Every structure is written in C-alpha cells, then in structure tokens.
C-alpha cells in the first residue's frame, strides 16, 4: 500500500508534534527533518488545523501543537483528510472487467482495501508513538550489543 505524500507528511507532522508536546514546532523544523518544502508542509498543516488536530501560534516562539486525543485518533482519521482509501470502482474499460475473472479480481481487491481501512482505523496515534519509540531504541540497542560483543 502506498500513501500519497500529503498523507505521509500529515502523519509525520503529527508524530513530531507529539514528540515535542512541551513546545510549538515550526513547519521549518518538520520540513528540514523530512526533506520537504515548507510550502507543501504548510498546506498539510492548514488541513490538519481545519480538522482541529493542530493549533497554530503566530509570531516569535510560534508554531504548531497537537490538539486531540492520541488514544482515539487513528491513522485512518488523518489519512482520510487527504485521500479516500476504499474499494476500487468497477471500470468497464478495464480489460476483463465484464468477465467472471474480472469480477472475482475486483472482489478480492475490495476485500484487501477493506482490510487496509480496518487496520489503519485500529492504529491510534498513541500506538504509533510507541512504535516510533521502539524503532528509535532498536538502532541504539543494536549498537550497544555490537559494542559489548566487541564489534
């Protein structure tokens, strides 16, 4: 599964805001970390703001802060702001669409999309925070093991 860039940036931005709950985070900080343009990221933050997921503060010391319940907001909630994941529509122009094989394939693809939506809808931002912490700790743990093993 591949998400649109805006959806990915929204997830990254929200996770950055959660990692820095103690202060506002600027578009420039997030953009620099992920190597994306501030202009594109500002559009993403605007959408997140309209949805009530972030608050913005202007001026010196300003930036964005997360505004929501990390135990209730899911990845799907964020993604749905930028793209609509869902079953593909039947396209009569597709080769084989009118055949039993084409209909069977469409049924399978729809089931896969349903599973993806269900999975994304079950993963909260709190869960993602824990996964990020685990991923950050994994390289450090590996480095410690290598050092202790003399490697």
C-alpha atoms as a PDB file:
ATOM      1  CA  UNK A   1       0.000   0.000   0.000  1.00  0.00           C
ATOM      2  CA  UNK A   2       1.282   3.430  -0.895  1.00  0.00           C
ATOM      3  CA  UNK A   3       0.012   6.646   0.659  1.00  0.00           C
ATOM      4  CA  UNK A   4       0.004   9.998  -1.045  1.00  0.00           C
ATOM      5  CA  UNK A   5       2.817  12.324   0.033  1.00  0.00           C
ATOM      6  CA  UNK A   6       0.385  14.646   1.839  1.00  0.00           C
ATOM      7  CA  UNK A   7      -0.942  11.774   3.949  1.00  0.00           C
ATOM      8  CA  UNK A   8       2.577  10.675   4.871  1.00  0.00           C
ATOM      9  CA  UNK A   9       3.585  14.233   5.748  1.00  0.00           C
ATOM     10  CA  UNK A  10       0.490  14.651   7.906  1.00  0.00           C
ATOM     11  CA  UNK A  11       1.331  11.518   9.882  1.00  0.00           C
ATOM     12  CA  UNK A  12       4.975  12.555  10.264  1.00  0.00           C
ATOM     13  CA  UNK A  13       3.977  16.073  11.316  1.00  0.00           C
ATOM     14  CA  UNK A  14       1.516  14.846  13.928  1.00  0.00           C
ATOM     15  CA  UNK A  15       4.117  12.441  15.328  1.00  0.00           C
ATOM     16  CA  UNK A  16       6.662  15.271  15.506  1.00  0.00           C
ATOM     17  CA  UNK A  17       4.181  17.440  17.390  1.00  0.00           C
ATOM     18  CA  UNK A  18       3.542  14.591  19.813  1.00  0.00           C
ATOM     19  CA  UNK A  19       7.276  14.116  20.348  1.00  0.00           C
ATOM     20  CA  UNK A  20       7.565  17.801  21.276  1.00  0.00           C
ATOM     21  CA  UNK A  21       4.416  18.368  23.318  1.00  0.00           C
ATOM     22  CA  UNK A  22       6.276  20.842  25.530  1.00  0.00           C
ATOM     23  CA  UNK A  23       6.632  23.480  22.802  1.00  0.00           C
ATOM     24  CA  UNK A  24       5.300  24.618  19.434  1.00  0.00           C
ATOM     25  CA  UNK A  25       7.053  23.070  16.425  1.00  0.00           C
ATOM     26  CA  UNK A  26       7.588  25.073  13.254  1.00  0.00           C
ATOM     27  CA  UNK A  27       6.949  23.997   9.696  1.00  0.00           C
ATOM     28  CA  UNK A  28      10.635  24.654   9.057  1.00  0.00           C
ATOM     29  CA  UNK A  29      11.721  22.165  11.725  1.00  0.00           C
ATOM     30  CA  UNK A  30       9.483  19.424  10.384  1.00  0.00           C
ATOM     31  CA  UNK A  31      10.340  20.215   6.757  1.00  0.00           C
ATOM     32  CA  UNK A  32      14.064  20.088   7.458  1.00  0.00           C
ATOM     33  CA  UNK A  33      13.815  16.705   9.197  1.00  0.00           C
ATOM     34  CA  UNK A  34      11.848  15.081   6.377  1.00  0.00           C
ATOM     35  CA  UNK A  35      13.419  16.969   3.480  1.00  0.00           C
ATOM     36  CA  UNK A  36      10.180  18.513   2.207  1.00  0.00           C
ATOM     37  CA  UNK A  37       9.258  22.012   1.157  1.00  0.00           C
ATOM     38  CA  UNK A  38       7.836  24.312   3.782  1.00  0.00           C
ATOM     39  CA  UNK A  39       5.176  25.371   1.280  1.00  0.00           C
ATOM     40  CA  UNK A  40       3.835  21.832   0.857  1.00  0.00           C
ATOM     41  CA  UNK A  41       4.030  21.149   4.571  1.00  0.00           C
ATOM     42  CA  UNK A  42       2.220  24.413   5.371  1.00  0.00           C
ATOM     43  CA  UNK A  43      -0.696  23.245   3.213  1.00  0.00           C
ATOM     44  CA  UNK A  44      -0.772  19.948   5.110  1.00  0.00           C
ATOM     45  CA  UNK A  45      -0.702  21.769   8.457  1.00  0.00           C
ATOM     46  CA  UNK A  46      -3.550  24.008   7.308  1.00  0.00           C
ATOM     47  CA  UNK A  47      -5.709  20.942   6.611  1.00  0.00           C
ATOM     48  CA  UNK A  48      -4.792  19.453   9.995  1.00  0.00           C
ATOM     49  CA  UNK A  49      -5.705  22.770  11.614  1.00  0.00           C
ATOM     50  CA  UNK A  50      -9.087  22.947   9.879  1.00  0.00           C
ATOM     51  CA  UNK A  51      -9.763  19.419  11.135  1.00  0.00           C
ATOM     52  CA  UNK A  52      -8.947  20.528  14.687  1.00  0.00           C
ATOM     53  CA  UNK A  53      -5.967  18.204  15.077  1.00  0.00           C
ATOM     54  CA  UNK A  54      -3.415  21.000  15.484  1.00  0.00           C
ATOM     55  CA  UNK A  55      -3.359  24.521  16.853  1.00  0.00           C
ATOM     56  CA  UNK A  56      -1.109  27.200  15.447  1.00  0.00           C
ATOM     57  CA  UNK A  57       0.538  30.112  17.192  1.00  0.00           C
ATOM     58  CA  UNK A  58       1.917  33.003  15.177  1.00  0.00           C
ATOM     59  CA  UNK A  59       4.973  35.096  15.866  1.00  0.00           C
ATOM     60  CA  UNK A  60       8.251  34.523  17.641  1.00  0.00           C
ATOM     61  CA  UNK A  61       8.150  31.243  19.500  1.00  0.00           C
ATOM     62  CA  UNK A  62       5.147  30.185  17.463  1.00  0.00           C
ATOM     63  CA  UNK A  63       4.464  27.046  15.567  1.00  0.00           C
ATOM     64  CA  UNK A  64       2.077  24.114  15.786  1.00  0.00           C
ATOM     65  CA  UNK A  65       0.960  21.925  18.649  1.00  0.00           C
ATOM     66  CA  UNK A  66      -1.134  18.783  18.633  1.00  0.00           C
ATOM     67  CA  UNK A  67      -4.735  19.204  19.715  1.00  0.00           C
ATOM     68  CA  UNK A  68      -6.511  15.909  20.164  1.00  0.00           C
ATOM     69  CA  UNK A  69      -6.799  12.617  21.951  1.00  0.00           C
ATOM     70  CA  UNK A  70      -3.954  10.295  20.924  1.00  0.00           C
ATOM     71  CA  UNK A  71      -5.887   7.280  22.180  1.00  0.00           C
ATOM     72  CA  UNK A  72      -8.878   7.987  19.934  1.00  0.00           C
ATOM     73  CA  UNK A  73      -7.438   9.462  16.744  1.00  0.00           C
ATOM     74  CA  UNK A  74      -6.344   6.802  14.287  1.00  0.00           C
ATOM     75  CA  UNK A  75      -4.098   6.749  11.255  1.00  0.00           C
ATOM     76  CA  UNK A  76      -7.229   6.446   9.141  1.00  0.00           C
ATOM     77  CA  UNK A  77      -8.615   9.656  10.665  1.00  0.00           C
ATOM     78  CA  UNK A  78      -5.502  11.511   9.489  1.00  0.00           C
ATOM     79  CA  UNK A  79      -5.287   9.818   6.084  1.00  0.00           C
ATOM     80  CA  UNK A  80      -8.963  10.453   5.325  1.00  0.00           C
ATOM     81  CA  UNK A  81      -8.223  14.191   5.438  1.00  0.00           C
ATOM     82  CA  UNK A  82      -6.001  13.857   2.369  1.00  0.00           C
ATOM     83  CA  UNK A  83      -7.179  10.862   0.374  1.00  0.00           C
ATOM     84  CA  UNK A  84     -10.049   8.462   0.266  1.00  0.00           C
ATOM     85  CA  UNK A  85      -8.955   4.891   0.707  1.00  0.00           C
ATOM     86  CA  UNK A  86     -11.565   2.496  -0.389  1.00  0.00           C
ATOM     87  CA  UNK A  87     -12.583  -0.195  -2.749  1.00  0.00           C
ATOM     88  CA  UNK A  88     -11.890   0.467  -6.401  1.00  0.00           C
ATOM     89  CA  UNK A  89     -14.872   1.209  -8.574  1.00  0.00           C
ATOM     90  CA  UNK A  90     -15.607  -1.186 -11.384  1.00  0.00           C
ATOM     91  CA  UNK A  91     -14.337   0.327 -14.627  1.00  0.00           C
ATOM     92  CA  UNK A  92     -15.936  -1.176 -17.701  1.00  0.00           C
ATOM     93  CA  UNK A  93     -12.892  -0.074 -19.721  1.00  0.00           C
ATOM     94  CA  UNK A  94     -10.579  -2.364 -17.730  1.00  0.00           C
ATOM     95  CA  UNK A  95      -9.564  -5.484 -19.652  1.00  0.00           C
ATOM     96  CA  UNK A  96     -11.653  -8.394 -18.480  1.00  0.00           C
ATOM     97  CA  UNK A  97     -13.998  -6.248 -16.366  1.00  0.00           C
ATOM     98  CA  UNK A  98     -17.101  -7.874 -17.818  1.00  0.00           C
ATOM     99  CA  UNK A  99     -15.801 -11.408 -17.226  1.00  0.00           C
ATOM    100  CA  UNK A 100     -16.242 -13.645 -14.201  1.00  0.00           C
ATOM    101  CA  UNK A 101     -12.474 -13.434 -13.682  1.00  0.00           C
ATOM    102  CA  UNK A 102     -12.546  -9.631 -13.708  1.00  0.00           C
ATOM    103  CA  UNK A 103     -15.415  -9.532 -11.205  1.00  0.00           C
ATOM    104  CA  UNK A 104     -13.617 -12.044  -8.978  1.00  0.00           C
ATOM    105  CA  UNK A 105     -10.429  -9.982  -9.041  1.00  0.00           C
ATOM    106  CA  UNK A 106     -12.380  -6.818  -8.185  1.00  0.00           C
ATOM    107  CA  UNK A 107     -13.970  -8.639  -5.244  1.00  0.00           C
ATOM    108  CA  UNK A 108     -10.542  -9.643  -3.908  1.00  0.00           C
ATOM    109  CA  UNK A 109      -9.172  -6.120  -4.339  1.00  0.00           C
ATOM    110  CA  UNK A 110     -12.160  -4.691  -2.479  1.00  0.00           C
ATOM    111  CA  UNK A 111     -11.580  -7.132   0.384  1.00  0.00           C
ATOM    112  CA  UNK A 112      -7.924  -6.079   0.568  1.00  0.00           C
ATOM    113  CA  UNK A 113      -8.942  -2.419   0.712  1.00  0.00           C
ATOM    114  CA  UNK A 114     -11.459  -3.191   3.471  1.00  0.00           C
ATOM    115  CA  UNK A 115      -8.724  -4.907   5.486  1.00  0.00           C
ATOM    116  CA  UNK A 116      -6.357  -1.953   4.970  1.00  0.00           C
ATOM    117  CA  UNK A 117      -9.027   0.530   6.128  1.00  0.00           C
ATOM    118  CA  UNK A 118      -9.816  -1.631   9.162  1.00  0.00           C
ATOM    119  CA  UNK A 119      -6.153  -1.903  10.085  1.00  0.00           C
ATOM    120  CA  UNK A 120      -5.470   1.818   9.703  1.00  0.00           C
ATOM    121  CA  UNK A 121      -8.639   2.539  11.670  1.00  0.00           C
ATOM    122  CA  UNK A 122      -7.428   0.390  14.554  1.00  0.00           C
ATOM    123  CA  UNK A 123      -4.000   2.005  14.952  1.00  0.00           C
ATOM    124  CA  UNK A 124      -4.173   5.056  17.191  1.00  0.00           C
ATOM    125  CA  UNK A 125      -1.630   7.840  17.408  1.00  0.00           C
ATOM    126  CA  UNK A 126      -0.734   6.514  20.869  1.00  0.00           C
ATOM    127  CA  UNK A 127       0.176   3.188  19.275  1.00  0.00           C
ATOM    128  CA  UNK A 128       2.238   4.976  16.638  1.00  0.00           C
ATOM    129  CA  UNK A 129       4.106   6.872  19.354  1.00  0.00           C
ATOM    130  CA  UNK A 130       5.070   3.556  20.945  1.00  0.00           C
ATOM    131  CA  UNK A 131       6.163   2.142  17.588  1.00  0.00           C
ATOM    132  CA  UNK A 132       8.323   5.216  16.951  1.00  0.00           C
ATOM    133  CA  UNK A 133       9.933   4.821  20.381  1.00  0.00           C
ATOM    134  CA  UNK A 134      10.647   1.151  19.653  1.00  0.00           C
ATOM    135  CA  UNK A 135      12.156   1.965  16.264  1.00  0.00           C
ATOM    136  CA  UNK A 136      14.329   4.667  17.833  1.00  0.00           C
ATOM    137  CA  UNK A 137      15.502   2.293  20.536  1.00  0.00           C
ATOM    138  CA  UNK A 138      16.243  -0.561  18.119  1.00  0.00           C
ATOM    139  CA  UNK A 139      19.352   1.003  16.490  1.00  0.00           C
ATOM    140  CA  UNK A 140      20.677   2.078  19.901  1.00  0.00           C
ATOM    141  CA  UNK A 141      20.170  -1.414  21.325  1.00  0.00           C
ATOM    142  CA  UNK A 142      21.933  -2.943  18.314  1.00  0.00           C
ATOM    143  CA  UNK A 143      24.874  -0.558  18.757  1.00  0.00           C
ATOM    144  CA  UNK A 144      25.152  -1.482  22.438  1.00  0.00           C
ATOM    145  CA  UNK A 145      25.044  -5.213  21.625  1.00  0.00           C
ATOM    146  CA  UNK A 146      27.746  -4.754  18.982  1.00  0.00           C
ATOM    147  CA  UNK A 147      29.928  -2.770  21.393  1.00  0.00           C
ATOM    148  CA  UNK A 148      29.554  -5.394  24.116  1.00  0.00           C
ATOM    149  CA  UNK A 149      30.328  -8.165  21.623  1.00  0.00           C
ATOM    150  CA  UNK A 150      33.489  -6.352  20.635  1.00  0.00           C
ATOM    151  CA  UNK A 151      32.175  -5.485  17.161  1.00  0.00           C
END
